[in-house]
């Protein structure tokens, strides 16, 4: 299944019946949308790190240098 990715003109946003869409906004207006397939998973960065740890990867924070 091909992933549908598109930039959106004001007032032309159409959403799929599945409801699986990631939407990006700027100044309160939708500028981009990506319709997700069943193969896509959405998680927070913390959840992603937890999944990586469970898979056996070492996850560590690197101090920020200015």
PDB file of N, CA and C in Angstrom:
ATOM      1  N   UNK A   1       0.838  -1.175   0.000  1.00  0.00           N
ATOM      2  CA  UNK A   1       0.000   0.000   0.000  1.00  0.00           C
ATOM      3  C   UNK A   1       0.886   1.242   0.000  1.00  0.00           C
ATOM      4  N   UNK A   2       0.641   2.165  -0.891  1.00  0.00           N
ATOM      5  CA  UNK A   2       1.410   3.389  -0.990  1.00  0.00           C
ATOM      6  C   UNK A   2       0.903   4.397   0.050  1.00  0.00           C
ATOM      7  N   UNK A   3       1.834   5.056   0.739  1.00  0.00           N
ATOM      8  CA  UNK A   3       1.476   6.074   1.713  1.00  0.00           C
ATOM      9  C   UNK A   3       1.135   7.359   0.984  1.00  0.00           C
ATOM     10  N   UNK A   4       0.021   7.969   1.363  1.00  0.00           N
ATOM     11  CA  UNK A   4      -0.372   9.219   0.733  1.00  0.00           C
ATOM     12  C   UNK A   4       0.137  10.378   1.581  1.00  0.00           C
ATOM     13  N   UNK A   5       0.963  11.208   0.971  1.00  0.00           N
ATOM     14  CA  UNK A   5       1.508  12.385   1.629  1.00  0.00           C
ATOM     15  C   UNK A   5       1.152  13.573   0.766  1.00  0.00           C
ATOM     16  N   UNK A   6       0.643  14.649   1.384  1.00  0.00           N
ATOM     17  CA  UNK A   6       0.293  15.798   0.566  1.00  0.00           C
ATOM     18  C   UNK A   6       0.327  17.085   1.356  1.00  0.00           C
ATOM     19  N   UNK A   7       0.674  18.156   0.646  1.00  0.00           N
ATOM     20  CA  UNK A   7       0.549  19.492   1.213  1.00  0.00           C
ATOM     21  C   UNK A   7      -0.855  19.957   0.910  1.00  0.00           C
ATOM     22  N   UNK A   8      -1.426  20.723   1.814  1.00  0.00           N
ATOM     23  CA  UNK A   8      -2.852  21.017   1.756  1.00  0.00           C
ATOM     24  C   UNK A   8      -3.078  22.497   1.486  1.00  0.00           C
ATOM     25  N   UNK A   9      -3.959  22.797   0.535  1.00  0.00           N
ATOM     26  CA  UNK A   9      -4.391  24.172   0.315  1.00  0.00           C
ATOM     27  C   UNK A   9      -5.447  24.507   1.363  1.00  0.00           C
ATOM     28  N   UNK A  10      -5.503  25.738   1.759  1.00  0.00           N
ATOM     29  CA  UNK A  10      -6.475  26.160   2.773  1.00  0.00           C
ATOM     30  C   UNK A  10      -7.886  25.741   2.368  1.00  0.00           C
ATOM     31  N   UNK A  11      -8.593  25.105   3.288  1.00  0.00           N
ATOM     32  CA  UNK A  11      -9.979  24.710   3.061  1.00  0.00           C
ATOM     33  C   UNK A  11     -10.158  23.454   2.238  1.00  0.00           C
ATOM     34  N   UNK A  12      -9.076  22.758   1.878  1.00  0.00           N
ATOM     35  CA  UNK A  12      -9.219  21.591   1.008  1.00  0.00           C
ATOM     36  C   UNK A  12      -8.837  20.284   1.697  1.00  0.00           C
ATOM     37  N   UNK A  13      -8.808  20.272   3.018  1.00  0.00           N
ATOM     38  CA  UNK A  13      -8.387  19.067   3.740  1.00  0.00           C
ATOM     39  C   UNK A  13      -9.474  18.005   3.683  1.00  0.00           C
ATOM     40  N   UNK A  14      -9.101  16.817   3.192  1.00  0.00           N
ATOM     41  CA  UNK A  14     -10.009  15.676   3.179  1.00  0.00           C
ATOM     42  C   UNK A  14      -9.361  14.587   4.013  1.00  0.00           C
ATOM     43  N   UNK A  15     -10.105  14.029   4.953  1.00  0.00           N
ATOM     44  CA  UNK A  15      -9.579  12.999   5.837  1.00  0.00           C
ATOM     45  C   UNK A  15     -10.143  11.641   5.463  1.00  0.00           C
ATOM     46  N   UNK A  16      -9.367  10.575   5.679  1.00  0.00           N
ATOM     47  CA  UNK A  16      -9.845   9.227   5.342  1.00  0.00           C
ATOM     48  C   UNK A  16     -10.875   8.752   6.359  1.00  0.00           C
ATOM     49  N   UNK A  17     -11.689   7.806   5.950  1.00  0.00           N
ATOM     50  CA  UNK A  17     -12.697   7.253   6.856  1.00  0.00           C
ATOM     51  C   UNK A  17     -12.069   6.472   8.002  1.00  0.00           C
ATOM     52  N   UNK A  18     -10.821   5.998   7.822  1.00  0.00           N
ATOM     53  CA  UNK A  18     -10.156   5.238   8.878  1.00  0.00           C
ATOM     54  C   UNK A  18      -9.752   6.121  10.049  1.00  0.00           C
ATOM     55  N   UNK A  19      -9.595   7.426   9.793  1.00  0.00           N
ATOM     56  CA  UNK A  19      -9.195   8.343  10.848  1.00  0.00           C
ATOM     57  C   UNK A  19      -7.705   8.330  11.137  1.00  0.00           C
ATOM     58  N   UNK A  20      -6.928   7.541  10.413  1.00  0.00           N
ATOM     59  CA  UNK A  20      -5.491   7.417  10.679  1.00  0.00           C
ATOM     60  C   UNK A  20      -4.727   8.440   9.846  1.00  0.00           C
ATOM     61  N   UNK A  21      -4.586   9.635  10.405  1.00  0.00           N
ATOM     62  CA  UNK A  21      -3.930  10.729   9.708  1.00  0.00           C
ATOM     63  C   UNK A  21      -3.061  11.521  10.678  1.00  0.00           C
ATOM     64  N   UNK A  22      -1.868  11.898  10.246  1.00  0.00           N
ATOM     65  CA  UNK A  22      -1.027  12.825  11.000  1.00  0.00           C
ATOM     66  C   UNK A  22      -1.146  14.168  10.297  1.00  0.00           C
ATOM     67  N   UNK A  23      -1.449  15.210  11.072  1.00  0.00           N
ATOM     68  CA  UNK A  23      -1.675  16.535  10.510  1.00  0.00           C
ATOM     69  C   UNK A  23      -0.659  17.511  11.095  1.00  0.00           C
ATOM     70  N   UNK A  24      -0.060  18.337  10.233  1.00  0.00           N
ATOM     71  CA  UNK A  24       0.854  19.391  10.668  1.00  0.00           C
ATOM     72  C   UNK A  24       0.175  20.732  10.438  1.00  0.00           C
ATOM     73  N   UNK A  25       0.249  21.612  11.446  1.00  0.00           N
ATOM     74  CA  UNK A  25      -0.358  22.928  11.310  1.00  0.00           C
ATOM     75  C   UNK A  25       0.690  24.020  11.488  1.00  0.00           C
ATOM     76  N   UNK A  26       0.401  25.163  10.942  1.00  0.00           N
ATOM     77  CA  UNK A  26       1.228  26.350  11.135  1.00  0.00           C
ATOM     78  C   UNK A  26       0.277  27.522  11.310  1.00  0.00           C
ATOM     79  N   UNK A  27       0.446  28.250  12.394  1.00  0.00           N
ATOM     80  CA  UNK A  27      -0.429  29.398  12.696  1.00  0.00           C
ATOM     81  C   UNK A  27      -1.900  28.989  12.683  1.00  0.00           C
ATOM     82  N   UNK A  28      -2.191  27.797  13.207  1.00  0.00           N
ATOM     83  CA  UNK A  28      -3.568  27.329  13.305  1.00  0.00           C
ATOM     84  C   UNK A  28      -4.170  26.808  12.018  1.00  0.00           C
ATOM     85  N   UNK A  29      -3.393  26.736  10.948  1.00  0.00           N
ATOM     86  CA  UNK A  29      -3.902  26.241   9.667  1.00  0.00           C
ATOM     87  C   UNK A  29      -3.167  24.964   9.283  1.00  0.00           C
ATOM     88  N   UNK A  30      -3.914  24.019   8.734  1.00  0.00           N
ATOM     89  CA  UNK A  30      -3.327  22.750   8.294  1.00  0.00           C
ATOM     90  C   UNK A  30      -2.486  23.016   7.056  1.00  0.00           C
ATOM     91  N   UNK A  31      -1.211  22.599   7.114  1.00  0.00           N
ATOM     92  CA  UNK A  31      -0.338  22.790   5.951  1.00  0.00           C
ATOM     93  C   UNK A  31       0.108  21.469   5.328  1.00  0.00           C
ATOM     94  N   UNK A  32      -0.084  20.361   6.046  1.00  0.00           N
ATOM     95  CA  UNK A  32       0.441  19.076   5.583  1.00  0.00           C
ATOM     96  C   UNK A  32      -0.344  17.956   6.240  1.00  0.00           C
ATOM     97  N   UNK A  33      -0.549  16.880   5.516  1.00  0.00           N
ATOM     98  CA  UNK A  33      -1.183  15.705   6.116  1.00  0.00           C
ATOM     99  C   UNK A  33      -0.569  14.446   5.530  1.00  0.00           C
ATOM    100  N   UNK A  34      -0.504  13.405   6.364  1.00  0.00           N
ATOM    101  CA  UNK A  34      -0.033  12.106   5.901  1.00  0.00           C
ATOM    102  C   UNK A  34      -1.038  11.076   6.374  1.00  0.00           C
ATOM    103  N   UNK A  35      -1.616  10.363   5.439  1.00  0.00           N
ATOM    104  CA  UNK A  35      -2.562   9.299   5.767  1.00  0.00           C
ATOM    105  C   UNK A  35      -1.751   8.052   6.093  1.00  0.00           C
ATOM    106  N   UNK A  36      -2.044   7.434   7.223  1.00  0.00           N
ATOM    107  CA  UNK A  36      -1.275   6.294   7.698  1.00  0.00           C
ATOM    108  C   UNK A  36      -1.916   4.976   7.289  1.00  0.00           C
ATOM    109  N   UNK A  37      -1.074   4.011   6.969  1.00  0.00           N
ATOM    110  CA  UNK A  37      -1.555   2.662   6.678  1.00  0.00           C
ATOM    111  C   UNK A  37      -1.519   1.852   7.977  1.00  0.00           C
ATOM    112  N   UNK A  38      -1.950   0.617   7.911  1.00  0.00           N
ATOM    113  CA  UNK A  38      -1.903  -0.260   9.084  1.00  0.00           C
ATOM    114  C   UNK A  38      -0.470  -0.575   9.495  1.00  0.00           C
ATOM    115  N   UNK A  39       0.478  -0.357   8.593  1.00  0.00           N
ATOM    116  CA  UNK A  39       1.887  -0.622   8.888  1.00  0.00           C
ATOM    117  C   UNK A  39       2.532   0.504   9.703  1.00  0.00           C
ATOM    118  N   UNK A  40       1.904   1.661   9.770  1.00  0.00           N
ATOM    119  CA  UNK A  40       2.451   2.797  10.505  1.00  0.00           C
ATOM    120  C   UNK A  40       2.085   2.710  11.987  1.00  0.00           C
ATOM    121  N   UNK A  41       3.004   3.180  12.818  1.00  0.00           N
ATOM    122  CA  UNK A  41       2.770   3.258  14.257  1.00  0.00           C
ATOM    123  C   UNK A  41       3.207   4.637  14.724  1.00  0.00           C
ATOM    124  N   UNK A  42       2.429   5.252  15.594  1.00  0.00           N
ATOM    125  CA  UNK A  42       2.746   6.575  16.116  1.00  0.00           C
ATOM    126  C   UNK A  42       3.027   6.429  17.600  1.00  0.00           C
ATOM    127  N   UNK A  43       4.148   7.012  18.060  1.00  0.00           N
ATOM    128  CA  UNK A  43       4.518   6.927  19.475  1.00  0.00           C
ATOM    129  C   UNK A  43       5.291   8.176  19.870  1.00  0.00           C
ATOM    130  N   UNK A  44       5.347   8.426  21.173  1.00  0.00           N
ATOM    131  CA  UNK A  44       6.183   9.508  21.670  1.00  0.00           C
ATOM    132  C   UNK A  44       7.635   9.062  21.622  1.00  0.00           C
ATOM    133  N   UNK A  45       8.548   9.997  21.762  1.00  0.00           N
ATOM    134  CA  UNK A  45       9.968   9.662  21.769  1.00  0.00           C
ATOM    135  C   UNK A  45      10.281   8.748  22.948  1.00  0.00           C
ATOM    136  N   UNK A  46       9.686   9.002  24.096  1.00  0.00           N
ATOM    137  CA  UNK A  46       9.888   8.141  25.271  1.00  0.00           C
ATOM    138  C   UNK A  46       9.432   6.713  24.989  1.00  0.00           C
ATOM    139  N   UNK A  47       8.269   6.554  24.349  1.00  0.00           N
ATOM    140  CA  UNK A  47       7.777   5.217  24.004  1.00  0.00           C
ATOM    141  C   UNK A  47       8.706   4.525  23.004  1.00  0.00           C
ATOM    142  N   UNK A  48       9.230   5.287  22.044  1.00  0.00           N
ATOM    143  CA  UNK A  48      10.161   4.722  21.075  1.00  0.00           C
ATOM    144  C   UNK A  48      11.409   4.196  21.777  1.00  0.00           C
ATOM    145  N   UNK A  49      11.956   4.979  22.723  1.00  0.00           N
ATOM    146  CA  UNK A  49      13.134   4.534  23.469  1.00  0.00           C
ATOM    147  C   UNK A  49      12.826   3.273  24.266  1.00  0.00           C
ATOM    148  N   UNK A  50      11.650   3.188  24.845  1.00  0.00           N
ATOM    149  CA  UNK A  50      11.272   2.002  25.614  1.00  0.00           C
ATOM    150  C   UNK A  50      11.200   0.775  24.699  1.00  0.00           C
ATOM    151  N   UNK A  51      10.641   0.935  23.524  1.00  0.00           N
ATOM    152  CA  UNK A  51      10.579  -0.170  22.556  1.00  0.00           C
ATOM    153  C   UNK A  51      11.994  -0.596  22.166  1.00  0.00           C
ATOM    154  N   UNK A  52      12.887   0.384  21.951  1.00  0.00           N
ATOM    155  CA  UNK A  52      14.276   0.075  21.599  1.00  0.00           C
ATOM    156  C   UNK A  52      14.963  -0.685  22.728  1.00  0.00           C
ATOM    157  N   UNK A  53      14.739  -0.268  23.972  1.00  0.00           N
ATOM    158  CA  UNK A  53      15.327  -0.980  25.120  1.00  0.00           C
ATOM    159  C   UNK A  53      14.814  -2.416  25.193  1.00  0.00           C
ATOM    160  N   UNK A  54      13.509  -2.575  24.975  1.00  0.00           N
ATOM    161  CA  UNK A  54      12.914  -3.916  25.025  1.00  0.00           C
ATOM    162  C   UNK A  54      13.483  -4.808  23.922  1.00  0.00           C
ATOM    163  N   UNK A  55      13.919  -4.201  22.812  1.00  0.00           N
ATOM    164  CA  UNK A  55      14.505  -4.956  21.698  1.00  0.00           C
ATOM    165  C   UNK A  55      15.997  -5.219  21.908  1.00  0.00           C
ATOM    166  N   UNK A  56      16.537  -4.724  23.038  1.00  0.00           N
ATOM    167  CA  UNK A  56      17.925  -5.011  23.352  1.00  0.00           C
ATOM    168  C   UNK A  56      18.923  -3.913  23.028  1.00  0.00           C
ATOM    169  N   UNK A  57      18.448  -2.759  22.579  1.00  0.00           N
ATOM    170  CA  UNK A  57      19.352  -1.648  22.278  1.00  0.00           C
ATOM    171  C   UNK A  57      19.660  -0.868  23.549  1.00  0.00           C
ATOM    172  N   UNK A  58      20.867  -0.307  23.631  1.00  0.00           N
ATOM    173  CA  UNK A  58      21.218   0.591  24.722  1.00  0.00           C
ATOM    174  C   UNK A  58      20.828   2.010  24.319  1.00  0.00           C
ATOM    175  N   UNK A  59      20.042   2.647  25.143  1.00  0.00           N
ATOM    176  CA  UNK A  59      19.578   4.002  24.853  1.00  0.00           C
ATOM    177  C   UNK A  59      20.085   4.907  25.964  1.00  0.00           C
ATOM    178  N   UNK A  60      20.803   5.962  25.591  1.00  0.00           N
ATOM    179  CA  UNK A  60      21.366   6.873  26.599  1.00  0.00           C
ATOM    180  C   UNK A  60      21.231   8.318  26.111  1.00  0.00           C
ATOM    181  N   UNK A  61      21.056   9.228  27.054  1.00  0.00           N
ATOM    182  CA  UNK A  61      20.993  10.648  26.737  1.00  0.00           C
ATOM    183  C   UNK A  61      22.413  11.178  26.579  1.00  0.00           C
ATOM    184  N   UNK A  62      22.629  11.971  25.568  1.00  0.00           N
ATOM    185  CA  UNK A  62      23.921  12.611  25.348  1.00  0.00           C
ATOM    186  C   UNK A  62      23.793  14.061  25.795  1.00  0.00           C
ATOM    187  N   UNK A  63      24.676  14.518  26.697  1.00  0.00           N
ATOM    188  CA  UNK A  63      24.573  15.901  27.169  1.00  0.00           C
ATOM    189  C   UNK A  63      24.708  16.901  26.021  1.00  0.00           C
ATOM    190  N   UNK A  64      23.900  17.959  26.101  1.00  0.00           N
ATOM    191  CA  UNK A  64      23.930  19.010  25.076  1.00  0.00           C
ATOM    192  C   UNK A  64      25.078  19.966  25.367  1.00  0.00           C
ATOM    193  N   UNK A  65      25.871  20.266  24.350  1.00  0.00           N
ATOM    194  CA  UNK A  65      26.978  21.225  24.498  1.00  0.00           C
ATOM    195  C   UNK A  65      26.633  22.494  23.727  1.00  0.00           C
ATOM    196  N   UNK A  66      26.959  23.613  24.317  1.00  0.00           N
ATOM    197  CA  UNK A  66      26.713  24.892  23.628  1.00  0.00           C
ATOM    198  C   UNK A  66      27.966  25.462  23.072  1.00  0.00           C
TER     199      UNK A  66
END
